[in-house]
Amino acid sequence: MSVERFVKDGDSNFITIQPGVNIYTLEQMSGETKEHYIAVRFLDAQGGDVVPTGGTVTVRGSQFRKPLYDGIENGIFNAADVALDTRVRPIVDGPLRAVQLTLDSVLGATTCVCKITGY
C-alpha cells in the first residue's frame, strides 16, 4: 500500500510561486516507507498544467526527525524540464523523515504541487 504526502504552503497542497528563492518543507514523516517517488507539477491561475519558462527546482531529504537535509539523486532540475519524458525523476531508496523543496526563480507558473509517494 502506498502513502502519499505533500510539501505544503501553510495548510495548502498548492504552493504559491513567489519571486526569488523559496523553501518549503514536509516534516514529521514516519520513516516507515522505504521507497519514495517525488513528483512535481506546475499549474497556471486556472489550475491547468503548465511548463515553466525558467527557474530551478531542488528536492532534498533527511532521515532524521530533526532534519539534516542531504541531496537526492536527480533532485535538482530546470523547472522548464518538468514534463520531459527523458528527465529522470527523483527517487529515494530508504526511509525519509523530512523533505525540503526549493523553488528558485520559477517563471511562467502560478502554483506548484510536490507529492511524495512512499511504499
Protein backbone atom coordinates (compact mmCIF):
# COMPACT_ATOMS: atom_id res chain seq x y z
CA MET A 1 0.00 0.00 0.00
CA SER A 2 1.25 3.49 -0.81
CA VAL A 3 1.34 6.58 1.40
CA GLU A 4 1.01 10.00 -0.26
CA ARG A 5 2.27 13.18 1.35
CA PHE A 6 2.54 16.72 0.04
CA VAL A 7 5.00 19.53 0.66
CA LYS A 8 2.69 22.35 1.77
CA ASP A 9 2.47 26.11 1.78
CA GLY A 10 0.72 26.57 5.13
CA ASP A 11 -2.23 24.17 5.04
CA SER A 12 -2.48 24.01 1.25
CA ASN A 13 -1.04 21.38 -1.10
CA PHE A 14 -0.81 24.20 -3.67
CA ILE A 15 2.37 26.22 -3.23
CA THR A 16 2.02 29.80 -4.50
CA ILE A 17 5.10 30.64 -6.54
CA GLN A 18 6.84 33.77 -5.30
CA PRO A 19 9.75 35.68 -6.90
CA GLY A 20 13.25 34.67 -5.86
CA VAL A 21 14.27 31.67 -3.78
CA ASN A 22 11.54 30.00 -1.71
CA ILE A 23 11.97 26.97 0.55
CA TYR A 24 9.16 24.69 1.72
CA THR A 25 9.37 21.63 3.96
CA LEU A 26 7.46 18.50 4.81
CA GLU A 27 8.46 17.22 8.24
CA GLN A 28 7.14 14.59 10.66
CA MET A 29 7.20 11.79 8.09
CA SER A 30 7.02 8.36 9.75
CA GLY A 31 10.16 6.88 8.21
CA GLU A 32 8.25 3.59 7.79
CA THR A 33 8.20 3.50 3.98
CA LYS A 34 11.43 2.54 2.23
CA GLU A 35 10.92 3.82 -1.34
CA HIS A 36 9.89 7.38 -2.17
CA TYR A 37 8.88 8.72 -5.57
CA ILE A 38 8.85 12.50 -5.82
CA ALA A 39 6.57 14.19 -8.35
CA VAL A 40 6.44 17.92 -9.11
CA ARG A 41 3.87 19.70 -11.27
CA PHE A 42 3.21 23.33 -12.09
CA LEU A 43 -0.17 24.98 -12.63
CA ASP A 44 -1.47 28.23 -14.08
CA ALA A 45 -4.03 30.51 -12.40
CA GLN A 46 -6.91 28.40 -13.76
CA GLY A 47 -5.42 25.17 -12.34
CA GLY A 48 -4.23 23.78 -15.66
CA ASP A 49 -0.86 22.12 -16.06
CA VAL A 50 1.89 24.37 -17.43
CA VAL A 51 5.60 24.11 -18.12
CA PRO A 52 7.55 26.98 -16.52
CA THR A 53 9.76 29.10 -18.74
CA GLY A 54 12.62 29.29 -16.24
CA GLY A 55 13.90 28.55 -12.76
CA THR A 56 15.33 25.65 -10.81
CA VAL A 57 13.74 23.02 -8.59
CA THR A 58 15.74 21.35 -5.81
CA VAL A 59 14.43 18.49 -3.66
CA ARG A 60 16.41 17.33 -0.62
CA GLY A 61 15.67 14.73 2.04
CA SER A 62 16.51 13.86 5.64
CA GLN A 63 16.44 10.59 7.55
CA PHE A 64 16.49 12.47 10.86
CA ARG A 65 13.48 13.68 12.87
CA LYS A 66 15.36 16.96 13.41
CA PRO A 67 16.09 17.47 9.70
CA LEU A 68 19.60 17.47 8.31
CA TYR A 69 18.98 17.73 4.57
CA ASP A 70 21.05 15.83 2.02
CA GLY A 71 20.89 15.90 -1.75
CA ILE A 72 18.66 13.41 -3.54
CA GLU A 73 19.77 11.74 -6.77
CA ASN A 74 18.15 13.62 -9.68
CA GLY A 75 16.75 16.09 -7.14
CA ILE A 76 17.94 19.22 -8.97
CA PHE A 77 16.42 20.09 -12.34
CA ASN A 78 15.39 23.01 -14.52
CA ALA A 79 11.74 23.86 -13.95
CA ALA A 80 11.29 24.05 -17.74
CA ASP A 81 12.20 20.33 -17.92
CA VAL A 82 9.46 19.20 -15.52
CA ALA A 83 7.38 17.45 -18.21
CA LEU A 84 10.20 15.97 -20.29
CA ASP A 85 9.87 12.22 -20.72
CA THR A 86 13.67 11.97 -20.69
CA ARG A 87 14.02 13.63 -17.25
CA VAL A 88 14.90 11.05 -14.59
CA ARG A 89 12.61 11.57 -11.62
CA PRO A 90 13.95 11.85 -8.06
CA ILE A 91 13.62 8.57 -6.16
CA VAL A 92 14.84 7.83 -2.63
CA ASP A 93 15.65 4.23 -1.76
CA GLY A 94 15.44 4.38 2.03
CA PRO A 95 13.44 5.93 4.84
CA LEU A 96 12.65 9.65 4.92
CA ARG A 97 11.65 11.78 7.89
CA ALA A 98 11.55 15.13 6.03
CA VAL A 99 11.65 16.64 2.54
CA GLN A 100 12.74 20.14 1.52
CA LEU A 101 11.60 21.75 -1.75
CA THR A 102 13.38 24.84 -3.08
CA LEU A 103 11.90 26.84 -5.94
CA ASP A 104 14.48 29.25 -7.32
CA SER A 105 13.24 32.00 -9.67
CA VAL A 106 10.50 29.85 -11.24
CA LEU A 107 8.73 31.76 -14.04
CA GLY A 108 5.63 31.02 -16.08
CA ALA A 109 3.57 29.21 -13.43
CA THR A 110 1.30 30.32 -10.59
CA THR A 111 1.42 27.32 -8.27
CA CYS A 112 3.41 24.15 -7.67
CA VAL A 113 2.44 20.78 -6.24
CA CYS A 114 5.10 18.42 -4.83
CA LYS A 115 3.89 14.92 -3.93
CA ILE A 116 5.94 12.20 -2.23
CA THR A 117 4.58 8.69 -2.67
CA GLY A 118 6.12 6.12 -0.34
CA TYR A 119 5.96 2.32 -0.42
